[in-house]
Each structure stands twice: as structure tokens, then as C-alpha cells.
Amino acid sequence: MPTQPNAALSGQTIQVRPLAEILQCSASSLYAAIKDDTFPFPVIRIGGRIVIPTAPIRAALGLDTPAVA
């Protein structure tokens, strides 16, 4: 069963493999896009670890709830 985007994207960052599952693509495709600087979201590299902030991904997927005035 695919990962539920709202639950997986509830933290501040997400790792590549869970994001690949949400986007229904391979982790190797995401790693290649990150390496080639064609990945459309900001990437944080900490040593050998790669994490992606979830706010831009939630916004792109329409998962952010707009504030009610």
C-alpha cells in the first residue's frame, strides 16, 4: 500500500525513499535528479544524508490548508 502523503509529509523534512513512494517513482530517479540539480525542490545535505523540506512538497501537491480569515 502506498504511503499516505499527509502522514508522511507531516514532519519538517522527508528522506528520499519515502518521498519516492509518495511520488510513485524510484528512489534512484530522485537521487539522479538531485545529483543533476534537476530536482524541483530544495535539498539539504548533511554529510552523506539527504533530506528534503516538506513545506514546498505539500504546497506543490495541494496538501497545505489555507488559513481561514
N, C-alpha and C. Protein backbone atom coordinates (compact mmCIF):
# COMPACT_ATOMS: atom_id res chain seq x y z
N MET A 1 0.85 -1.18 0.00
CA MET A 1 0.00 0.00 0.00
C MET A 1 0.89 1.24 0.00
N PRO A 2 0.61 2.22 -0.87
CA PRO A 2 1.44 3.42 -0.93
C PRO A 2 1.35 4.22 0.36
N THR A 3 2.41 4.97 0.64
CA THR A 3 2.44 5.84 1.79
C THR A 3 1.41 6.95 1.64
N GLN A 4 0.71 7.28 2.72
CA GLN A 4 -0.26 8.37 2.70
C GLN A 4 0.50 9.69 2.76
N PRO A 5 0.35 10.56 1.76
CA PRO A 5 1.12 11.79 1.71
C PRO A 5 0.97 12.68 2.94
N ASN A 6 -0.24 12.87 3.44
CA ASN A 6 -0.43 13.76 4.59
C ASN A 6 0.37 13.29 5.80
N ALA A 7 0.35 12.00 6.07
CA ALA A 7 1.07 11.48 7.23
C ALA A 7 2.57 11.54 7.02
N ALA A 8 3.04 11.13 5.85
CA ALA A 8 4.47 11.10 5.59
C ALA A 8 5.07 12.49 5.49
N LEU A 9 4.27 13.46 5.08
CA LEU A 9 4.78 14.83 4.91
C LEU A 9 4.46 15.72 6.11
N SER A 10 4.10 15.12 7.24
CA SER A 10 3.72 15.92 8.40
C SER A 10 4.92 16.49 9.15
N GLY A 11 6.09 15.91 8.97
CA GLY A 11 7.29 16.43 9.62
C GLY A 11 7.88 17.60 8.84
N GLN A 12 8.98 18.13 9.35
CA GLN A 12 9.65 19.26 8.70
C GLN A 12 10.42 18.83 7.45
N THR A 13 10.94 17.59 7.47
CA THR A 13 11.70 17.08 6.33
C THR A 13 11.30 15.64 6.05
N ILE A 14 11.69 15.17 4.88
CA ILE A 14 11.44 13.78 4.50
C ILE A 14 12.69 13.27 3.78
N GLN A 15 12.95 11.98 3.91
CA GLN A 15 14.08 11.38 3.22
C GLN A 15 13.65 10.98 1.81
N VAL A 16 14.62 10.64 0.99
CA VAL A 16 14.38 10.38 -0.42
C VAL A 16 13.47 9.17 -0.65
N ARG A 17 13.72 8.06 0.00
CA ARG A 17 12.94 6.85 -0.27
C ARG A 17 11.45 6.99 0.04
N PRO A 18 11.07 7.53 1.19
CA PRO A 18 9.64 7.73 1.43
C PRO A 18 9.01 8.71 0.45
N LEU A 19 9.77 9.73 0.05
CA LEU A 19 9.24 10.68 -0.92
C LEU A 19 9.04 10.02 -2.28
N ALA A 20 9.96 9.15 -2.65
CA ALA A 20 9.81 8.42 -3.92
C ALA A 20 8.53 7.59 -3.91
N GLU A 21 8.23 6.99 -2.78
CA GLU A 21 7.00 6.20 -2.68
C GLU A 21 5.76 7.08 -2.84
N ILE A 22 5.78 8.26 -2.23
CA ILE A 22 4.66 9.19 -2.35
C ILE A 22 4.49 9.63 -3.80
N LEU A 23 5.61 9.94 -4.45
CA LEU A 23 5.57 10.44 -5.82
C LEU A 23 5.45 9.31 -6.85
N GLN A 24 5.44 8.08 -6.36
CA GLN A 24 5.31 6.89 -7.21
C GLN A 24 6.38 6.85 -8.29
N CYS A 25 7.62 7.03 -7.84
CA CYS A 25 8.76 6.88 -8.74
C CYS A 25 9.86 6.18 -7.96
N SER A 26 10.94 5.85 -8.62
CA SER A 26 12.01 5.14 -7.93
C SER A 26 12.90 6.12 -7.16
N ALA A 27 13.46 5.61 -6.08
CA ALA A 27 14.40 6.42 -5.31
C ALA A 27 15.61 6.77 -6.17
N SER A 28 16.03 5.85 -7.03
CA SER A 28 17.19 6.14 -7.87
C SER A 28 16.91 7.30 -8.83
N SER A 29 15.68 7.43 -9.29
CA SER A 29 15.31 8.58 -10.14
C SER A 29 15.43 9.88 -9.36
N LEU A 30 14.98 9.87 -8.12
CA LEU A 30 15.09 11.08 -7.31
C LEU A 30 16.54 11.41 -7.00
N TYR A 31 17.33 10.38 -6.64
CA TYR A 31 18.75 10.62 -6.38
C TYR A 31 19.45 11.19 -7.62
N ALA A 32 19.10 10.69 -8.80
CA ALA A 32 19.70 11.18 -10.04
C ALA A 32 19.31 12.64 -10.28
N ALA A 33 18.04 12.97 -10.05
CA ALA A 33 17.59 14.35 -10.24
C ALA A 33 18.28 15.29 -9.25
N ILE A 34 18.46 14.83 -8.03
CA ILE A 34 19.15 15.64 -7.03
C ILE A 34 20.61 15.85 -7.46
N LYS A 35 21.25 14.80 -7.89
CA LYS A 35 22.65 14.89 -8.32
C LYS A 35 22.81 15.82 -9.52
N ASP A 36 21.84 15.77 -10.45
CA ASP A 36 21.90 16.58 -11.67
C ASP A 36 21.35 18.00 -11.48
N ASP A 37 20.95 18.33 -10.27
CA ASP A 37 20.33 19.63 -9.97
C ASP A 37 19.07 19.89 -10.78
N THR A 38 18.33 18.84 -11.07
CA THR A 38 17.05 19.00 -11.77
C THR A 38 15.87 18.69 -10.85
N PHE A 39 16.15 18.37 -9.59
CA PHE A 39 15.09 18.11 -8.62
C PHE A 39 14.41 19.43 -8.30
N PRO A 40 13.09 19.52 -8.39
CA PRO A 40 12.41 20.81 -8.31
C PRO A 40 12.19 21.37 -6.90
N PHE A 41 12.75 20.72 -5.88
CA PHE A 41 12.56 21.19 -4.51
C PHE A 41 13.91 21.40 -3.85
N PRO A 42 13.96 22.22 -2.79
CA PRO A 42 15.22 22.41 -2.08
C PRO A 42 15.68 21.09 -1.44
N VAL A 43 16.96 20.92 -1.34
CA VAL A 43 17.55 19.71 -0.78
C VAL A 43 18.55 20.12 0.29
N ILE A 44 18.54 19.40 1.41
CA ILE A 44 19.50 19.65 2.48
C ILE A 44 20.41 18.43 2.56
N ARG A 45 21.71 18.67 2.44
CA ARG A 45 22.70 17.60 2.54
C ARG A 45 23.42 17.75 3.88
N ILE A 46 23.41 16.67 4.65
CA ILE A 46 24.09 16.64 5.95
C ILE A 46 25.03 15.46 5.90
N GLY A 47 26.29 15.70 5.63
CA GLY A 47 27.22 14.59 5.42
C GLY A 47 26.75 13.82 4.21
N GLY A 48 26.53 12.53 4.37
CA GLY A 48 26.04 11.70 3.27
C GLY A 48 24.53 11.58 3.23
N ARG A 49 23.86 12.24 4.16
CA ARG A 49 22.40 12.14 4.26
C ARG A 49 21.74 13.27 3.46
N ILE A 50 20.64 12.95 2.81
CA ILE A 50 19.87 13.93 2.04
C ILE A 50 18.46 13.96 2.61
N VAL A 51 18.00 15.16 2.95
CA VAL A 51 16.60 15.34 3.37
C VAL A 51 16.01 16.50 2.58
N ILE A 52 14.71 16.47 2.44
CA ILE A 52 14.00 17.47 1.66
C ILE A 52 12.96 18.12 2.56
N PRO A 53 12.94 19.46 2.63
CA PRO A 53 11.89 20.13 3.41
C PRO A 53 10.51 19.77 2.83
N THR A 54 9.56 19.52 3.71
CA THR A 54 8.25 19.07 3.25
C THR A 54 7.31 20.20 2.84
N ALA A 55 7.51 21.41 3.34
CA ALA A 55 6.58 22.51 3.03
C ALA A 55 6.42 22.74 1.52
N PRO A 56 7.50 22.83 0.73
CA PRO A 56 7.31 23.04 -0.71
C PRO A 56 6.63 21.86 -1.40
N ILE A 57 6.87 20.66 -0.89
CA ILE A 57 6.24 19.48 -1.49
C ILE A 57 4.75 19.47 -1.19
N ARG A 58 4.39 19.77 0.08
CA ARG A 58 2.97 19.84 0.44
C ARG A 58 2.27 20.89 -0.41
N ALA A 59 2.90 22.04 -0.60
CA ALA A 59 2.29 23.11 -1.40
C ALA A 59 2.11 22.66 -2.85
N ALA A 60 3.12 22.01 -3.42
CA ALA A 60 3.03 21.56 -4.82
C ALA A 60 1.95 20.51 -5.01
N LEU A 61 1.73 19.68 -3.99
CA LEU A 61 0.72 18.63 -4.08
C LEU A 61 -0.66 19.12 -3.63
N GLY A 62 -0.75 20.37 -3.22
CA GLY A 62 -2.02 20.91 -2.78
C GLY A 62 -2.47 20.39 -1.44
N LEU A 63 -1.54 20.02 -0.59
CA LEU A 63 -1.88 19.46 0.71
C LEU A 63 -1.91 20.47 1.83
N ASP A 64 -1.42 21.68 1.57
CA ASP A 64 -1.46 22.72 2.59
C ASP A 64 -2.87 23.26 2.69
N THR A 65 -3.32 23.44 3.89
CA THR A 65 -4.65 24.00 4.11
C THR A 65 -4.49 25.51 4.25
N PRO A 66 -5.17 26.28 3.39
CA PRO A 66 -5.04 27.74 3.51
C PRO A 66 -5.66 28.23 4.82
N ALA A 67 -5.07 29.29 5.35
CA ALA A 67 -5.57 29.89 6.58
C ALA A 67 -6.95 30.51 6.33
N VAL A 68 -7.83 30.35 7.30
CA VAL A 68 -9.18 30.93 7.19
C VAL A 68 -9.16 32.28 7.88
N ALA A 69 -9.64 33.28 7.17
CA ALA A 69 -9.63 34.66 7.73
C ALA A 69 -10.80 34.88 8.66
